[in-house]
Amino acid sequence: MRVNYPCCNGDLGPAPGPARALGSAGLRAQWFAQALLLIFADGLTGEHVSFGAAQHAALSMPAERHGRDLAAEDTAGIVDRIIALGTV
């Protein structure tokens, strides 16, 4: 069974997708894994971080590890679109 998650596949509508913003489709998987890790750690430790803050951090971590600069407007657009997916 294949499940299509727009936020993971890079199709975020008018905002640039994670693959384009990160400069590599391979980094998209690292971003998504980091996002899950941050959300799970939040639940396990009880140290609450907002979903948006976790997404910003998850996008910046693989970018920094691979020497990529993320434009603030790209990051904000991706995070805003991911949050909007939850309200559909």
N, C-alpha and C. Protein backbone atom coordinates (compact mmCIF):
# COMPACT_ATOMS: atom_id res chain seq x y z
N MET A 1 0.84 -1.17 0.00
CA MET A 1 0.00 0.00 0.00
C MET A 1 0.90 1.24 0.00
N ARG A 2 0.63 2.16 -0.87
CA ARG A 2 1.38 3.41 -0.95
C ARG A 2 0.49 4.54 -0.44
N VAL A 3 1.03 5.31 0.47
CA VAL A 3 0.31 6.46 1.02
C VAL A 3 1.02 7.71 0.53
N ASN A 4 0.26 8.64 0.01
CA ASN A 4 0.83 9.87 -0.52
C ASN A 4 0.62 10.99 0.48
N TYR A 5 1.71 11.47 1.06
CA TYR A 5 1.67 12.61 1.96
C TYR A 5 2.28 13.80 1.23
N PRO A 6 1.49 14.80 0.87
CA PRO A 6 2.03 15.93 0.12
C PRO A 6 3.24 16.57 0.78
N CYS A 7 3.25 16.68 2.10
CA CYS A 7 4.37 17.36 2.75
C CYS A 7 5.66 16.57 2.60
N CYS A 8 5.58 15.27 2.46
CA CYS A 8 6.78 14.43 2.35
C CYS A 8 7.26 14.33 0.90
N ASN A 9 6.32 14.40 -0.01
CA ASN A 9 6.65 14.22 -1.42
C ASN A 9 7.12 15.51 -2.08
N GLY A 10 7.08 16.61 -1.35
CA GLY A 10 7.56 17.87 -1.89
C GLY A 10 6.50 18.68 -2.59
N ASP A 11 5.27 18.22 -2.63
CA ASP A 11 4.20 18.94 -3.29
C ASP A 11 3.45 19.77 -2.25
N LEU A 12 3.89 20.99 -2.07
CA LEU A 12 3.28 21.85 -1.06
C LEU A 12 2.57 23.03 -1.69
N GLY A 13 2.08 22.83 -2.89
CA GLY A 13 1.36 23.92 -3.54
C GLY A 13 2.31 25.03 -3.95
N PRO A 14 1.93 26.29 -3.71
CA PRO A 14 2.73 27.41 -4.18
C PRO A 14 4.06 27.56 -3.46
N ALA A 15 4.18 27.03 -2.25
CA ALA A 15 5.45 27.13 -1.53
C ALA A 15 6.45 26.14 -2.13
N PRO A 16 7.75 26.47 -2.07
CA PRO A 16 8.73 25.50 -2.57
C PRO A 16 8.69 24.25 -1.69
N GLY A 17 8.85 23.11 -2.32
CA GLY A 17 8.85 21.87 -1.55
C GLY A 17 10.16 21.71 -0.80
N PRO A 18 10.17 20.81 0.17
CA PRO A 18 11.38 20.59 0.96
C PRO A 18 12.59 20.20 0.11
N ALA A 19 12.39 19.39 -0.92
CA ALA A 19 13.52 18.97 -1.75
C ALA A 19 14.16 20.17 -2.44
N ARG A 20 13.34 21.06 -2.97
CA ARG A 20 13.89 22.23 -3.65
C ARG A 20 14.55 23.18 -2.66
N ALA A 21 13.90 23.41 -1.53
CA ALA A 21 14.46 24.32 -0.54
C ALA A 21 15.77 23.79 0.04
N LEU A 22 15.85 22.48 0.25
CA LEU A 22 17.06 21.88 0.79
C LEU A 22 18.12 21.64 -0.28
N GLY A 23 17.71 21.69 -1.54
CA GLY A 23 18.66 21.51 -2.62
C GLY A 23 18.91 20.06 -3.00
N SER A 24 18.18 19.14 -2.39
CA SER A 24 18.41 17.72 -2.67
C SER A 24 17.20 16.91 -2.25
N ALA A 25 16.75 16.04 -3.13
CA ALA A 25 15.65 15.15 -2.77
C ALA A 25 16.06 14.19 -1.67
N GLY A 26 17.35 13.83 -1.61
CA GLY A 26 17.84 12.95 -0.56
C GLY A 26 17.73 13.56 0.82
N LEU A 27 17.86 14.88 0.91
CA LEU A 27 17.73 15.55 2.20
C LEU A 27 16.29 15.61 2.67
N ARG A 28 15.35 15.43 1.76
CA ARG A 28 13.93 15.43 2.13
C ARG A 28 13.65 14.32 3.13
N ALA A 29 14.21 13.14 2.91
CA ALA A 29 14.01 12.02 3.84
C ALA A 29 14.63 12.33 5.19
N GLN A 30 15.80 12.97 5.19
CA GLN A 30 16.45 13.35 6.45
C GLN A 30 15.60 14.37 7.20
N TRP A 31 15.03 15.32 6.46
CA TRP A 31 14.15 16.32 7.08
C TRP A 31 12.96 15.63 7.74
N PHE A 32 12.30 14.73 7.01
CA PHE A 32 11.11 14.09 7.54
C PHE A 32 11.44 13.24 8.76
N ALA A 33 12.55 12.50 8.71
CA ALA A 33 12.97 11.70 9.85
C ALA A 33 13.26 12.59 11.05
N GLN A 34 13.91 13.73 10.81
CA GLN A 34 14.21 14.67 11.89
C GLN A 34 12.92 15.24 12.48
N ALA A 35 11.95 15.54 11.62
CA ALA A 35 10.67 16.07 12.10
C ALA A 35 9.99 15.06 13.01
N LEU A 36 9.97 13.80 12.61
CA LEU A 36 9.36 12.77 13.45
C LEU A 36 10.11 12.62 14.76
N LEU A 37 11.43 12.62 14.70
CA LEU A 37 12.24 12.48 15.90
C LEU A 37 11.95 13.61 16.90
N LEU A 38 11.87 14.83 16.41
CA LEU A 38 11.60 15.96 17.30
C LEU A 38 10.22 15.87 17.93
N ILE A 39 9.22 15.47 17.16
CA ILE A 39 7.87 15.35 17.71
C ILE A 39 7.80 14.21 18.72
N PHE A 40 8.43 13.08 18.41
CA PHE A 40 8.43 11.95 19.36
C PHE A 40 9.18 12.32 20.64
N ALA A 41 10.33 12.97 20.51
CA ALA A 41 11.10 13.37 21.69
C ALA A 41 10.29 14.32 22.56
N ASP A 42 9.53 15.19 21.92
CA ASP A 42 8.65 16.12 22.65
C ASP A 42 7.68 15.33 23.52
N GLY A 43 7.07 14.33 22.95
CA GLY A 43 6.11 13.53 23.71
C GLY A 43 6.75 12.70 24.81
N LEU A 44 7.96 12.21 24.56
CA LEU A 44 8.62 11.37 25.55
C LEU A 44 9.20 12.16 26.71
N THR A 45 9.70 13.36 26.43
CA THR A 45 10.35 14.14 27.49
C THR A 45 9.38 15.05 28.22
N GLY A 46 8.24 15.33 27.59
CA GLY A 46 7.29 16.27 28.20
C GLY A 46 7.69 17.72 28.01
N GLU A 47 8.79 17.96 27.30
CA GLU A 47 9.23 19.32 26.98
C GLU A 47 8.52 19.74 25.70
N HIS A 48 7.42 20.46 25.85
CA HIS A 48 6.60 20.78 24.68
C HIS A 48 7.25 21.84 23.80
N VAL A 49 7.29 21.55 22.53
CA VAL A 49 7.73 22.48 21.49
C VAL A 49 6.58 22.55 20.50
N SER A 50 6.26 23.73 20.03
CA SER A 50 5.16 23.84 19.07
C SER A 50 5.50 23.07 17.80
N PHE A 51 4.47 22.62 17.12
CA PHE A 51 4.65 21.87 15.89
C PHE A 51 5.43 22.71 14.87
N GLY A 52 5.09 23.98 14.77
CA GLY A 52 5.79 24.86 13.82
C GLY A 52 7.26 25.00 14.15
N ALA A 53 7.59 25.16 15.43
CA ALA A 53 8.99 25.28 15.84
C ALA A 53 9.75 23.99 15.54
N ALA A 54 9.10 22.86 15.76
CA ALA A 54 9.74 21.58 15.46
C ALA A 54 10.01 21.45 13.96
N GLN A 55 9.06 21.91 13.13
CA GLN A 55 9.25 21.84 11.68
C GLN A 55 10.38 22.76 11.23
N HIS A 56 10.44 23.96 11.78
CA HIS A 56 11.55 24.87 11.45
C HIS A 56 12.88 24.22 11.80
N ALA A 57 12.97 23.64 13.00
CA ALA A 57 14.21 22.99 13.43
C ALA A 57 14.54 21.80 12.53
N ALA A 58 13.52 21.02 12.20
CA ALA A 58 13.74 19.83 11.37
C ALA A 58 14.24 20.20 9.98
N LEU A 59 13.80 21.32 9.45
CA LEU A 59 14.28 21.77 8.14
C LEU A 59 15.72 22.30 8.24
N SER A 60 16.03 22.99 9.31
CA SER A 60 17.35 23.60 9.42
C SER A 60 18.45 22.59 9.72
N MET A 61 18.15 21.53 10.45
CA MET A 61 19.20 20.58 10.87
C MET A 61 19.88 19.88 9.69
N PRO A 62 19.14 19.25 8.77
CA PRO A 62 19.85 18.62 7.64
C PRO A 62 20.51 19.65 6.73
N ALA A 63 19.90 20.81 6.61
CA ALA A 63 20.52 21.86 5.78
C ALA A 63 21.87 22.27 6.35
N GLU A 64 21.92 22.48 7.66
CA GLU A 64 23.19 22.87 8.29
C GLU A 64 24.23 21.76 8.19
N ARG A 65 23.80 20.51 8.38
CA ARG A 65 24.74 19.38 8.29
C ARG A 65 25.38 19.28 6.92
N HIS A 66 24.65 19.70 5.89
CA HIS A 66 25.15 19.58 4.52
C HIS A 66 25.56 20.93 3.91
N GLY A 67 25.71 21.94 4.76
CA GLY A 67 26.21 23.23 4.30
C GLY A 67 25.28 23.98 3.36
N ARG A 68 23.98 23.79 3.51
CA ARG A 68 23.02 24.47 2.65
C ARG A 68 22.37 25.62 3.40
N ASP A 69 22.17 26.71 2.70
CA ASP A 69 21.47 27.85 3.29
C ASP A 69 20.01 27.78 2.87
N LEU A 70 19.13 27.89 3.85
CA LEU A 70 17.69 27.93 3.56
C LEU A 70 17.22 29.38 3.66
N ALA A 71 16.52 29.82 2.65
CA ALA A 71 15.93 31.15 2.70
C ALA A 71 14.80 31.14 3.73
N ALA A 72 14.76 32.17 4.54
CA ALA A 72 13.74 32.25 5.60
C ALA A 72 12.34 32.17 5.01
N GLU A 73 12.12 32.79 3.87
CA GLU A 73 10.78 32.75 3.27
C GLU A 73 10.44 31.36 2.76
N ASP A 74 11.43 30.59 2.29
CA ASP A 74 11.17 29.21 1.87
C ASP A 74 10.78 28.36 3.07
N THR A 75 11.55 28.49 4.15
CA THR A 75 11.27 27.72 5.36
C THR A 75 9.89 28.07 5.90
N ALA A 76 9.60 29.35 6.00
CA ALA A 76 8.29 29.79 6.52
C ALA A 76 7.16 29.28 5.63
N GLY A 77 7.34 29.32 4.32
CA GLY A 77 6.31 28.85 3.40
C GLY A 77 6.06 27.36 3.53
N ILE A 78 7.13 26.58 3.69
CA ILE A 78 6.98 25.14 3.85
C ILE A 78 6.26 24.83 5.15
N VAL A 79 6.70 25.45 6.24
CA VAL A 79 6.09 25.18 7.55
C VAL A 79 4.63 25.62 7.55
N ASP A 80 4.33 26.77 7.00
CA ASP A 80 2.94 27.24 6.95
C ASP A 80 2.06 26.27 6.17
N ARG A 81 2.59 25.74 5.07
CA ARG A 81 1.81 24.81 4.25
C ARG A 81 1.61 23.48 4.98
N ILE A 82 2.63 23.00 5.68
CA ILE A 82 2.49 21.76 6.44
C ILE A 82 1.42 21.92 7.51
N ILE A 83 1.46 23.03 8.21
CA ILE A 83 0.46 23.29 9.26
C ILE A 83 -0.94 23.37 8.65
N ALA A 84 -1.04 24.00 7.47
CA ALA A 84 -2.34 24.11 6.80
C ALA A 84 -2.88 22.74 6.39
N LEU A 85 -2.00 21.78 6.09
CA LEU A 85 -2.46 20.44 5.71
C LEU A 85 -3.26 19.80 6.84
N GLY A 86 -2.92 20.13 8.07
CA GLY A 86 -3.62 19.57 9.20
C GLY A 86 -5.01 20.16 9.43
N THR A 87 -5.30 21.25 8.74
CA THR A 87 -6.61 21.89 8.92
C THR A 87 -7.57 21.56 7.80
N VAL A 88 -7.13 20.75 6.84
CA VAL A 88 -7.98 20.39 5.69
C VAL A 88 -8.99 19.36 6.10
